[in-house]
Amino acid sequence: MGTVTLGVSIAVPEPYGSFLQKRREGFGDPHAHGIPTHVTLLPPTEVEAASLPVIERHLAEVAALGRPFPMRLSGTGTFRPLSPVVFVNVVEGSASCSWLQKRIRDASGPLARELQFPYHPHVTVAHGIPEEAMDRAFEELAEYEADWSTTGFALYEQGADGVWRLDREYPFGVDPGASAQDPFQAAVPRQTGVSRPPATSR
């Protein structure tokens, strides 16, 4: 069956998502059209296509333990000179994002992997473009603000054309064993003492 490239992220909802994607295009990022605006939980990861059912079960189990949490974006940051990226800061919700990404990459799970850099939740608005354009992105979005309640995450697959497409959404608190007729059944924890994501963070 070959391999596929997957990513897991929290989508930035409308109207914020389209606005930031258009700004990213306007700064000259040639890949912006194929990357929905998001906060990464699992970076691009190549897996065997045959492992997708196991991966989907794993993600459903992680989402079942999650609970909605507030997310707030404010201002810009950059990873330069280490990495050619300008981003919008996640100033609330970062601890919950960190909890989720750690569970998704759990060493005993099907998506276990090491990261190239320490995890830092953010929303990329420029990547790998000329320095002048990176500076413009950093300055023009310096006062940007957005906030919403995050109710789940999603699995994306990268096509041969480089475009990332939604594969499946995972709302928080849904029992992985719930029937298709009742997809939003609240999860009932099967064990006591299980860790939960922080409700808020700043």
N, C-alpha and C. Protein backbone atom coordinates (compact mmCIF):
# COMPACT_ATOMS: atom_id res chain seq x y z
N MET A 1 0.82 -1.22 0.00
CA MET A 1 0.00 0.00 0.00
C MET A 1 0.85 1.26 0.00
N GLY A 2 2.14 1.15 0.32
CA GLY A 2 3.01 2.32 0.32
C GLY A 2 2.88 3.14 1.57
N THR A 3 3.37 4.38 1.49
CA THR A 3 3.37 5.28 2.63
C THR A 3 2.54 6.53 2.35
N VAL A 4 2.15 7.19 3.42
CA VAL A 4 1.44 8.47 3.33
C VAL A 4 2.08 9.43 4.32
N THR A 5 1.94 10.73 4.06
CA THR A 5 2.46 11.74 4.97
C THR A 5 1.30 12.39 5.70
N LEU A 6 1.33 12.29 7.02
CA LEU A 6 0.24 12.78 7.86
C LEU A 6 0.69 13.94 8.74
N GLY A 7 -0.27 14.71 9.18
CA GLY A 7 -0.03 15.74 10.18
C GLY A 7 -1.27 15.85 11.04
N VAL A 8 -1.10 16.24 12.29
CA VAL A 8 -2.22 16.44 13.19
C VAL A 8 -2.16 17.87 13.70
N SER A 9 -3.29 18.56 13.66
CA SER A 9 -3.27 19.96 14.06
C SER A 9 -4.62 20.43 14.57
N ILE A 10 -4.60 21.59 15.19
CA ILE A 10 -5.81 22.31 15.57
C ILE A 10 -6.04 23.37 14.51
N ALA A 11 -7.15 23.30 13.82
CA ALA A 11 -7.45 24.29 12.79
C ALA A 11 -7.78 25.63 13.42
N VAL A 12 -7.27 26.69 12.83
CA VAL A 12 -7.67 28.04 13.24
C VAL A 12 -9.00 28.33 12.54
N PRO A 13 -10.07 28.57 13.30
CA PRO A 13 -11.41 28.69 12.70
C PRO A 13 -11.59 29.99 11.93
N GLU A 14 -12.71 30.04 11.19
CA GLU A 14 -13.07 31.27 10.47
C GLU A 14 -13.64 32.30 11.45
N PRO A 15 -13.41 33.58 11.15
CA PRO A 15 -12.78 34.10 9.93
C PRO A 15 -11.27 34.20 10.01
N TYR A 16 -10.69 33.78 11.14
CA TYR A 16 -9.26 33.95 11.35
C TYR A 16 -8.41 33.12 10.38
N GLY A 17 -8.86 31.87 10.13
CA GLY A 17 -8.04 30.97 9.32
C GLY A 17 -7.81 31.50 7.92
N SER A 18 -8.88 31.90 7.23
CA SER A 18 -8.75 32.41 5.87
C SER A 18 -7.96 33.72 5.83
N PHE A 19 -8.18 34.57 6.83
CA PHE A 19 -7.46 35.84 6.89
C PHE A 19 -5.95 35.61 6.96
N LEU A 20 -5.52 34.74 7.87
CA LEU A 20 -4.09 34.51 8.03
C LEU A 20 -3.50 33.76 6.83
N GLN A 21 -4.27 32.87 6.22
CA GLN A 21 -3.78 32.18 5.03
C GLN A 21 -3.57 33.17 3.88
N LYS A 22 -4.50 34.11 3.71
CA LYS A 22 -4.36 35.11 2.66
C LYS A 22 -3.19 36.04 2.93
N ARG A 23 -2.98 36.38 4.20
CA ARG A 23 -1.83 37.22 4.54
C ARG A 23 -0.53 36.46 4.25
N ARG A 24 -0.51 35.16 4.55
CA ARG A 24 0.68 34.35 4.26
C ARG A 24 0.96 34.33 2.76
N GLU A 25 -0.09 34.19 1.96
CA GLU A 25 0.07 34.25 0.51
C GLU A 25 0.60 35.62 0.09
N GLY A 26 0.06 36.67 0.71
CA GLY A 26 0.47 38.03 0.37
C GLY A 26 1.92 38.33 0.69
N PHE A 27 2.47 37.64 1.68
CA PHE A 27 3.88 37.84 2.01
C PHE A 27 4.80 37.10 1.03
N GLY A 28 4.19 36.30 0.13
CA GLY A 28 4.98 35.63 -0.90
C GLY A 28 5.33 34.19 -0.60
N ASP A 29 4.64 33.57 0.37
CA ASP A 29 4.91 32.16 0.67
C ASP A 29 4.22 31.30 -0.38
N PRO A 30 4.97 30.61 -1.24
CA PRO A 30 4.37 29.87 -2.36
C PRO A 30 3.58 28.64 -1.93
N HIS A 31 3.74 28.21 -0.70
CA HIS A 31 3.05 27.01 -0.22
C HIS A 31 1.79 27.33 0.58
N ALA A 32 1.50 28.61 0.77
CA ALA A 32 0.41 29.01 1.65
C ALA A 32 -0.94 28.47 1.20
N HIS A 33 -1.18 28.39 -0.10
CA HIS A 33 -2.49 27.96 -0.59
C HIS A 33 -2.81 26.52 -0.22
N GLY A 34 -1.77 25.73 0.01
CA GLY A 34 -1.97 24.32 0.30
C GLY A 34 -1.86 23.95 1.77
N ILE A 35 -1.78 24.97 2.64
CA ILE A 35 -1.60 24.72 4.07
C ILE A 35 -2.69 25.45 4.85
N PRO A 36 -3.74 24.76 5.27
CA PRO A 36 -4.76 25.41 6.11
C PRO A 36 -4.12 25.98 7.38
N THR A 37 -4.59 27.14 7.80
CA THR A 37 -4.03 27.79 8.99
C THR A 37 -4.26 26.93 10.22
N HIS A 38 -3.20 26.69 10.99
CA HIS A 38 -3.31 25.69 12.05
C HIS A 38 -2.27 25.88 13.14
N VAL A 39 -2.47 25.16 14.24
CA VAL A 39 -1.47 24.97 15.29
C VAL A 39 -1.08 23.50 15.24
N THR A 40 0.18 23.22 14.98
CA THR A 40 0.63 21.84 14.81
C THR A 40 0.65 21.07 16.13
N LEU A 41 0.15 19.83 16.07
CA LEU A 41 0.29 18.88 17.18
C LEU A 41 1.23 17.75 16.80
N LEU A 42 1.24 17.38 15.53
CA LEU A 42 2.19 16.40 15.00
C LEU A 42 2.68 16.92 13.66
N PRO A 43 4.00 17.19 13.53
CA PRO A 43 4.51 17.69 12.25
C PRO A 43 4.44 16.62 11.17
N PRO A 44 4.68 16.98 9.91
CA PRO A 44 4.61 16.00 8.82
C PRO A 44 5.37 14.72 9.16
N THR A 45 4.66 13.60 9.08
CA THR A 45 5.21 12.31 9.50
C THR A 45 4.82 11.25 8.48
N GLU A 46 5.81 10.56 7.94
CA GLU A 46 5.55 9.51 6.95
C GLU A 46 5.28 8.20 7.66
N VAL A 47 4.18 7.55 7.30
CA VAL A 47 3.78 6.29 7.94
C VAL A 47 3.34 5.31 6.85
N GLU A 48 3.28 4.05 7.20
CA GLU A 48 2.73 3.05 6.29
C GLU A 48 1.22 3.25 6.17
N ALA A 49 0.71 3.24 4.96
CA ALA A 49 -0.72 3.44 4.75
C ALA A 49 -1.54 2.38 5.48
N ALA A 50 -0.99 1.18 5.59
CA ALA A 50 -1.70 0.09 6.27
C ALA A 50 -1.90 0.36 7.75
N SER A 51 -1.13 1.30 8.32
CA SER A 51 -1.24 1.58 9.76
C SER A 51 -2.32 2.63 10.07
N LEU A 52 -3.00 3.15 9.05
CA LEU A 52 -3.99 4.21 9.27
C LEU A 52 -5.10 3.82 10.26
N PRO A 53 -5.67 2.63 10.19
CA PRO A 53 -6.71 2.29 11.15
C PRO A 53 -6.23 2.36 12.60
N VAL A 54 -5.00 1.91 12.85
CA VAL A 54 -4.44 1.95 14.20
C VAL A 54 -4.20 3.40 14.62
N ILE A 55 -3.70 4.20 13.70
CA ILE A 55 -3.46 5.61 13.99
C ILE A 55 -4.76 6.33 14.31
N GLU A 56 -5.79 6.06 13.54
CA GLU A 56 -7.08 6.72 13.77
C GLU A 56 -7.67 6.33 15.12
N ARG A 57 -7.52 5.07 15.52
CA ARG A 57 -7.99 4.66 16.85
C ARG A 57 -7.21 5.37 17.94
N HIS A 58 -5.91 5.47 17.75
CA HIS A 58 -5.06 6.15 18.73
C HIS A 58 -5.48 7.61 18.90
N LEU A 59 -5.70 8.30 17.79
CA LEU A 59 -6.10 9.70 17.86
C LEU A 59 -7.47 9.86 18.52
N ALA A 60 -8.38 8.94 18.23
CA ALA A 60 -9.70 8.98 18.87
C ALA A 60 -9.58 8.81 20.37
N GLU A 61 -8.67 7.96 20.82
CA GLU A 61 -8.48 7.74 22.25
C GLU A 61 -7.89 8.98 22.92
N VAL A 62 -6.95 9.66 22.23
CA VAL A 62 -6.39 10.89 22.79
C VAL A 62 -7.48 11.96 22.88
N ALA A 63 -8.25 12.12 21.81
CA ALA A 63 -9.31 13.13 21.79
C ALA A 63 -10.36 12.87 22.86
N ALA A 64 -10.63 11.61 23.14
CA ALA A 64 -11.63 11.27 24.14
C ALA A 64 -11.26 11.80 25.52
N LEU A 65 -9.97 11.93 25.79
CA LEU A 65 -9.51 12.43 27.08
C LEU A 65 -9.48 13.95 27.13
N GLY A 66 -9.58 14.60 25.97
CA GLY A 66 -9.49 16.05 25.92
C GLY A 66 -10.79 16.73 26.32
N ARG A 67 -10.67 17.99 26.62
CA ARG A 67 -11.82 18.83 26.92
C ARG A 67 -11.61 20.18 26.24
N PRO A 68 -12.69 20.85 25.82
CA PRO A 68 -12.54 22.16 25.18
C PRO A 68 -11.72 23.12 26.04
N PHE A 69 -10.94 23.96 25.38
CA PHE A 69 -10.15 24.93 26.11
C PHE A 69 -10.02 26.22 25.28
N PRO A 70 -9.83 27.36 25.94
CA PRO A 70 -9.70 28.62 25.22
C PRO A 70 -8.34 28.72 24.54
N MET A 71 -8.35 29.26 23.33
CA MET A 71 -7.14 29.52 22.58
C MET A 71 -7.11 31.01 22.24
N ARG A 72 -5.98 31.62 22.44
CA ARG A 72 -5.85 33.04 22.09
C ARG A 72 -4.52 33.29 21.40
N LEU A 73 -4.58 34.02 20.30
CA LEU A 73 -3.40 34.42 19.55
C LEU A 73 -3.15 35.90 19.79
N SER A 74 -1.88 36.28 19.85
CA SER A 74 -1.56 37.69 20.05
C SER A 74 -0.13 37.97 19.60
N GLY A 75 0.00 38.89 18.63
CA GLY A 75 1.32 39.35 18.22
C GLY A 75 2.13 38.30 17.46
N THR A 76 3.35 38.65 17.14
CA THR A 76 4.21 37.79 16.32
C THR A 76 5.49 37.39 17.05
N GLY A 77 6.08 36.31 16.53
CA GLY A 77 7.37 35.83 17.00
C GLY A 77 8.11 35.23 15.82
N THR A 78 9.32 34.79 16.05
CA THR A 78 10.10 34.17 14.98
C THR A 78 11.07 33.15 15.54
N PHE A 79 11.39 32.15 14.71
CA PHE A 79 12.40 31.17 15.07
C PHE A 79 13.75 31.50 14.43
N ARG A 80 13.82 32.60 13.70
CA ARG A 80 15.09 33.00 13.08
C ARG A 80 16.12 33.33 14.15
N PRO A 81 17.39 33.05 13.94
CA PRO A 81 18.01 32.48 12.74
C PRO A 81 18.02 30.94 12.71
N LEU A 82 17.49 30.30 13.76
CA LEU A 82 17.52 28.84 13.81
C LEU A 82 16.69 28.22 12.70
N SER A 83 15.53 28.81 12.43
CA SER A 83 14.63 28.31 11.39
C SER A 83 13.93 29.51 10.75
N PRO A 84 13.77 29.53 9.41
CA PRO A 84 13.21 30.71 8.72
C PRO A 84 11.69 30.78 8.82
N VAL A 85 11.20 31.05 10.03
CA VAL A 85 9.76 31.06 10.28
C VAL A 85 9.37 32.31 11.07
N VAL A 86 8.28 32.94 10.64
CA VAL A 86 7.62 33.99 11.42
C VAL A 86 6.23 33.45 11.76
N PHE A 87 5.79 33.68 12.97
CA PHE A 87 4.53 33.09 13.42
C PHE A 87 3.75 34.07 14.28
N VAL A 88 2.46 33.74 14.47
CA VAL A 88 1.62 34.43 15.44
C VAL A 88 1.67 33.63 16.74
N ASN A 89 1.84 34.32 17.85
CA ASN A 89 1.99 33.66 19.14
C ASN A 89 0.70 33.05 19.65
N VAL A 90 0.81 31.87 20.26
CA VAL A 90 -0.27 31.29 21.04
C VAL A 90 -0.02 31.72 22.48
N VAL A 91 -0.85 32.62 22.99
CA VAL A 91 -0.63 33.15 24.34
C VAL A 91 -1.57 32.55 25.37
N GLU A 92 -2.60 31.85 24.91
CA GLU A 92 -3.46 31.08 25.82
C GLU A 92 -3.82 29.77 25.12
N GLY A 93 -3.70 28.67 25.87
CA GLY A 93 -3.96 27.35 25.30
C GLY A 93 -2.70 26.56 25.02
N SER A 94 -1.54 27.15 25.25
CA SER A 94 -0.29 26.47 24.91
C SER A 94 -0.06 25.21 25.75
N ALA A 95 -0.42 25.26 27.03
CA ALA A 95 -0.21 24.08 27.87
C ALA A 95 -1.09 22.92 27.42
N SER A 96 -2.32 23.22 27.01
CA SER A 96 -3.20 22.17 26.51
C SER A 96 -2.68 21.59 25.20
N CYS A 97 -2.18 22.46 24.31
CA CYS A 97 -1.58 21.98 23.06
C CYS A 97 -0.39 21.07 23.35
N SER A 98 0.43 21.46 24.30
CA SER A 98 1.60 20.65 24.65
C SER A 98 1.19 19.29 25.19
N TRP A 99 0.15 19.27 26.03
CA TRP A 99 -0.36 18.01 26.56
C TRP A 99 -0.83 17.10 25.44
N LEU A 100 -1.59 17.66 24.51
CA LEU A 100 -2.13 16.87 23.40
C LEU A 100 -1.02 16.31 22.51
N GLN A 101 -0.06 17.14 22.13
CA GLN A 101 0.97 16.66 21.22
C GLN A 101 1.84 15.59 21.88
N LYS A 102 2.03 15.69 23.18
CA LYS A 102 2.80 14.66 23.88
C LYS A 102 2.06 13.33 23.87
N ARG A 103 0.73 13.38 24.09
CA ARG A 103 -0.05 12.14 24.06
C ARG A 103 -0.09 11.55 22.65
N ILE A 104 -0.20 12.40 21.64
CA ILE A 104 -0.23 11.92 20.26
C ILE A 104 1.07 11.22 19.90
N ARG A 105 2.20 11.76 20.37
CA ARG A 105 3.51 11.19 20.05
C ARG A 105 3.99 10.18 21.10
N ASP A 106 3.07 9.71 21.93
CA ASP A 106 3.43 8.78 23.01
C ASP A 106 4.34 7.67 22.50
N ALA A 107 5.38 7.38 23.27
CA ALA A 107 6.39 6.41 22.83
C ALA A 107 5.83 5.03 22.58
N SER A 108 4.71 4.70 23.20
CA SER A 108 4.12 3.38 23.02
C SER A 108 3.08 3.35 21.91
N GLY A 109 2.84 4.49 21.27
CA GLY A 109 1.79 4.58 20.26
C GLY A 109 2.30 4.51 18.83
N PRO A 110 1.40 4.53 17.85
CA PRO A 110 1.77 4.38 16.44
C PRO A 110 2.38 5.63 15.82
N LEU A 111 2.36 6.76 16.54
CA LEU A 111 2.92 7.99 16.01
C LEU A 111 4.12 8.47 16.83
N ALA A 112 4.77 7.53 17.51
CA ALA A 112 5.95 7.88 18.31
C ALA A 112 7.04 8.43 17.41
N ARG A 113 7.58 9.58 17.77
CA ARG A 113 8.68 10.17 17.01
C ARG A 113 9.32 11.28 17.83
N GLU A 114 10.56 11.58 17.52
CA GLU A 114 11.25 12.70 18.15
C GLU A 114 11.04 13.94 17.30
N LEU A 115 11.12 15.11 17.93
CA LEU A 115 10.99 16.37 17.21
C LEU A 115 12.36 16.96 16.93
N GLN A 116 12.45 17.68 15.81
CA GLN A 116 13.72 18.32 15.46
C GLN A 116 14.03 19.46 16.42
N PHE A 117 12.98 20.15 16.88
CA PHE A 117 13.13 21.26 17.83
C PHE A 117 12.14 21.05 18.98
N PRO A 118 12.39 21.63 20.15
CA PRO A 118 11.43 21.54 21.25
C PRO A 118 10.06 22.07 20.81
N TYR A 119 9.00 21.45 21.30
CA TYR A 119 7.65 21.84 20.88
C TYR A 119 7.31 23.24 21.37
N HIS A 120 6.80 24.05 20.45
CA HIS A 120 6.40 25.42 20.75
C HIS A 120 5.17 25.74 19.91
N PRO A 121 3.96 25.70 20.49
CA PRO A 121 2.75 25.94 19.70
C PRO A 121 2.75 27.34 19.09
N HIS A 122 2.36 27.43 17.82
CA HIS A 122 2.37 28.70 17.10
C HIS A 122 1.55 28.56 15.83
N VAL A 123 1.30 29.68 15.16
CA VAL A 123 0.61 29.69 13.87
C VAL A 123 1.55 30.33 12.86
N THR A 124 2.10 29.54 11.95
CA THR A 124 3.05 30.05 10.97
C THR A 124 2.36 30.99 9.98
N VAL A 125 3.00 32.15 9.73
CA VAL A 125 2.48 33.09 8.74
C VAL A 125 3.51 33.41 7.65
N ALA A 126 4.72 32.89 7.78
CA ALA A 126 5.74 33.03 6.75
C ALA A 126 6.81 31.97 7.00
N HIS A 127 7.26 31.33 5.90
CA HIS A 127 8.24 30.26 6.04
C HIS A 127 9.11 30.19 4.79
N GLY A 128 10.40 30.35 4.99
CA GLY A 128 11.35 30.14 3.90
C GLY A 128 11.27 31.15 2.77
N ILE A 129 10.84 32.37 3.07
CA ILE A 129 10.77 33.41 2.05
C ILE A 129 11.86 34.45 2.32
N PRO A 130 12.09 35.39 1.39
CA PRO A 130 13.16 36.39 1.60
C PRO A 130 13.03 37.13 2.92
N GLU A 131 14.18 37.51 3.46
CA GLU A 131 14.22 38.16 4.77
C GLU A 131 13.35 39.41 4.83
N GLU A 132 13.34 40.18 3.75
CA GLU A 132 12.53 41.40 3.74
C GLU A 132 11.04 41.08 3.93
N ALA A 133 10.58 40.01 3.27
CA ALA A 133 9.18 39.60 3.40
C ALA A 133 8.91 39.04 4.79
N MET A 134 9.88 38.34 5.36
CA MET A 134 9.73 37.82 6.72
C MET A 134 9.59 38.99 7.70
N ASP A 135 10.42 40.02 7.50
CA ASP A 135 10.34 41.20 8.36
C ASP A 135 8.97 41.87 8.24
N ARG A 136 8.44 41.92 7.03
CA ARG A 136 7.14 42.55 6.82
C ARG A 136 6.04 41.78 7.54
N ALA A 137 6.10 40.43 7.45
CA ALA A 137 5.11 39.60 8.15
C ALA A 137 5.18 39.84 9.66
N PHE A 138 6.39 39.91 10.17
CA PHE A 138 6.59 40.11 11.61
C PHE A 138 6.00 41.44 12.05
N GLU A 139 6.21 42.49 11.24
CA GLU A 139 5.77 43.82 11.61
C GLU A 139 4.27 44.03 11.39
N GLU A 140 3.76 43.55 10.26
CA GLU A 140 2.38 43.85 9.91
C GLU A 140 1.35 43.09 10.75
N LEU A 141 1.76 41.98 11.34
CA LEU A 141 0.85 41.21 12.18
C LEU A 141 1.17 41.35 13.67
N ALA A 142 2.02 42.32 13.99
CA ALA A 142 2.47 42.48 15.38
C ALA A 142 1.32 42.80 16.33
N GLU A 143 0.24 43.39 15.84
CA GLU A 143 -0.89 43.74 16.68
C GLU A 143 -2.06 42.77 16.51
N TYR A 144 -1.83 41.67 15.82
CA TYR A 144 -2.92 40.74 15.52
C TYR A 144 -3.42 40.05 16.80
N GLU A 145 -4.76 39.90 16.90
CA GLU A 145 -5.38 39.23 18.04
C GLU A 145 -6.51 38.33 17.54
N ALA A 146 -6.68 37.18 18.14
CA ALA A 146 -7.80 36.29 17.83
C ALA A 146 -8.01 35.36 19.02
N ASP A 147 -9.26 34.93 19.24
CA ASP A 147 -9.51 33.96 20.30
C ASP A 147 -10.75 33.14 19.97
N TRP A 148 -10.76 31.90 20.46
CA TRP A 148 -11.88 30.99 20.24
C TRP A 148 -11.78 29.83 21.23
N SER A 149 -12.79 28.99 21.26
CA SER A 149 -12.77 27.79 22.09
C SER A 149 -12.41 26.60 21.20
N THR A 150 -11.35 25.90 21.56
CA THR A 150 -10.90 24.74 20.80
C THR A 150 -11.66 23.50 21.27
N THR A 151 -12.33 22.84 20.35
CA THR A 151 -13.18 21.70 20.71
C THR A 151 -12.69 20.38 20.15
N GLY A 152 -11.52 20.37 19.52
CA GLY A 152 -10.98 19.13 18.98
C GLY A 152 -9.79 19.40 18.08
N PHE A 153 -9.29 18.34 17.46
CA PHE A 153 -8.19 18.48 16.50
C PHE A 153 -8.50 17.64 15.27
N ALA A 154 -7.61 17.63 14.30
CA ALA A 154 -7.90 16.94 13.05
C ALA A 154 -6.65 16.28 12.47
N LEU A 155 -6.89 15.24 11.69
CA LEU A 155 -5.84 14.52 10.96
C LEU A 155 -5.86 15.01 9.52
N TYR A 156 -4.69 15.35 9.00
CA TYR A 156 -4.55 15.81 7.62
C TYR A 156 -3.57 14.89 6.88
N GLU A 157 -3.78 14.78 5.57
CA GLU A 157 -2.87 14.01 4.72
C GLU A 157 -2.37 14.91 3.59
N GLN A 158 -1.08 14.83 3.33
CA GLN A 158 -0.48 15.63 2.26
C GLN A 158 -0.54 14.88 0.94
N GLY A 159 -1.12 15.50 -0.07
CA GLY A 159 -1.23 14.88 -1.38
C GLY A 159 0.05 14.98 -2.17
N ALA A 160 0.08 14.30 -3.31
CA ALA A 160 1.24 14.34 -4.19
C ALA A 160 1.51 15.75 -4.70
N ASP A 161 0.47 16.59 -4.71
CA ASP A 161 0.61 17.98 -5.14
C ASP A 161 1.09 18.90 -4.03
N GLY A 162 1.39 18.34 -2.85
CA GLY A 162 1.87 19.13 -1.73
C GLY A 162 0.79 19.77 -0.90
N VAL A 163 -0.46 19.62 -1.29
CA VAL A 163 -1.57 20.24 -0.57
C VAL A 163 -2.01 19.35 0.59
N TRP A 164 -2.25 19.97 1.75
CA TRP A 164 -2.74 19.25 2.93
C TRP A 164 -4.26 19.25 2.92
N ARG A 165 -4.84 18.05 3.04
CA ARG A 165 -6.29 17.90 3.01
C ARG A 165 -6.79 17.22 4.28
N LEU A 166 -7.94 17.70 4.75
CA LEU A 166 -8.55 17.13 5.95
C LEU A 166 -8.93 15.67 5.72
N ASP A 167 -8.50 14.81 6.64
CA ASP A 167 -8.85 13.39 6.57
C ASP A 167 -9.97 13.06 7.55
N ARG A 168 -9.82 13.53 8.78
CA ARG A 168 -10.83 13.22 9.80
C ARG A 168 -10.69 14.19 10.96
N GLU A 169 -11.83 14.57 11.54
CA GLU A 169 -11.84 15.43 12.71
C GLU A 169 -12.07 14.61 13.97
N TYR A 170 -11.48 15.06 15.08
CA TYR A 170 -11.58 14.36 16.36
C TYR A 170 -12.06 15.32 17.44
N PRO A 171 -13.37 15.40 17.68
CA PRO A 171 -13.87 16.27 18.76
C PRO A 171 -13.49 15.71 20.13
N PHE A 172 -13.25 16.61 21.07
CA PHE A 172 -12.89 16.19 22.41
C PHE A 172 -14.07 15.52 23.12
N GLY A 173 -13.74 14.59 24.00
CA GLY A 173 -14.72 14.00 24.89
C GLY A 173 -15.65 12.99 24.26
N VAL A 174 -15.29 12.48 23.07
CA VAL A 174 -16.14 11.50 22.40
C VAL A 174 -15.59 10.10 22.62
N ASP A 175 -16.42 9.21 23.10
CA ASP A 175 -16.02 7.82 23.35
C ASP A 175 -15.61 7.17 22.04
N PRO A 176 -14.37 6.65 21.93
CA PRO A 176 -13.94 5.99 20.69
C PRO A 176 -14.84 4.83 20.30
N GLY A 177 -15.57 4.26 21.27
CA GLY A 177 -16.45 3.14 20.97
C GLY A 177 -17.87 3.55 20.67
N ALA A 178 -18.14 4.89 20.60
CA ALA A 178 -19.50 5.34 20.34
C ALA A 178 -19.94 4.92 18.95
N SER A 179 -21.22 4.66 18.80
CA SER A 179 -21.74 4.23 17.51
C SER A 179 -21.79 5.37 16.53
N ALA A 180 -21.84 5.04 15.24
CA ALA A 180 -21.92 6.06 14.20
C ALA A 180 -23.21 6.85 14.32
N GLN A 181 -24.27 6.22 14.92
CA GLN A 181 -25.53 6.92 15.08
C GLN A 181 -25.47 7.98 16.19
N ASP A 182 -24.47 7.87 17.04
CA ASP A 182 -24.34 8.80 18.15
C ASP A 182 -22.89 9.25 18.26
N PRO A 183 -22.39 9.99 17.24
CA PRO A 183 -20.97 10.31 17.18
C PRO A 183 -20.50 11.29 18.24
N PHE A 184 -21.42 11.99 18.91
CA PHE A 184 -21.01 12.97 19.89
C PHE A 184 -21.32 12.53 21.31
N GLN A 185 -21.43 11.23 21.51
CA GLN A 185 -21.63 10.68 22.85
C GLN A 185 -20.45 11.07 23.74
N ALA A 186 -20.76 11.56 24.92
CA ALA A 186 -19.68 11.96 25.82
C ALA A 186 -18.89 10.75 26.28
N ALA A 187 -17.58 10.94 26.37
CA ALA A 187 -16.73 9.83 26.79
C ALA A 187 -16.86 9.59 28.28
N VAL A 188 -16.80 8.35 28.67
CA VAL A 188 -16.77 7.97 30.08
C VAL A 188 -15.41 7.35 30.34
N PRO A 189 -14.56 8.01 31.15
CA PRO A 189 -13.22 7.48 31.39
C PRO A 189 -13.26 6.04 31.87
N ARG A 190 -12.41 5.21 31.29
CA ARG A 190 -12.39 3.79 31.64
C ARG A 190 -11.42 3.48 32.76
N GLN A 191 -10.69 4.49 33.21
CA GLN A 191 -9.75 4.24 34.28
C GLN A 191 -9.69 5.47 35.18
N THR A 192 -9.36 5.25 36.43
CA THR A 192 -9.26 6.38 37.36
C THR A 192 -7.84 6.88 37.38
N GLY A 193 -7.69 8.14 37.76
CA GLY A 193 -6.35 8.73 37.86
C GLY A 193 -5.73 9.07 36.53
N VAL A 194 -6.50 9.03 35.41
CA VAL A 194 -5.93 9.34 34.13
C VAL A 194 -5.68 10.85 34.04
N SER A 195 -4.55 11.22 33.43
CA SER A 195 -4.21 12.64 33.33
C SER A 195 -5.13 13.34 32.36
N ARG A 196 -5.40 14.61 32.64
CA ARG A 196 -6.23 15.45 31.78
C ARG A 196 -5.43 16.66 31.33
N PRO A 197 -5.78 17.22 30.17
CA PRO A 197 -5.08 18.41 29.73
C PRO A 197 -5.44 19.59 30.61
N PRO A 198 -4.53 20.55 30.78
CA PRO A 198 -4.87 21.76 31.54
C PRO A 198 -6.04 22.46 30.86
N ALA A 199 -6.93 23.05 31.66
CA ALA A 199 -8.09 23.72 31.10
C ALA A 199 -7.69 25.03 30.42
N THR A 200 -6.74 25.74 31.01
CA THR A 200 -6.29 27.01 30.44
C THR A 200 -4.80 27.15 30.65
N SER A 201 -4.22 28.06 29.89
CA SER A 201 -2.80 28.37 30.07
C SER A 201 -2.54 29.76 29.55
N ARG A 202 -1.52 30.39 30.06
CA ARG A 202 -1.15 31.72 29.60
C ARG A 202 0.36 31.79 29.40
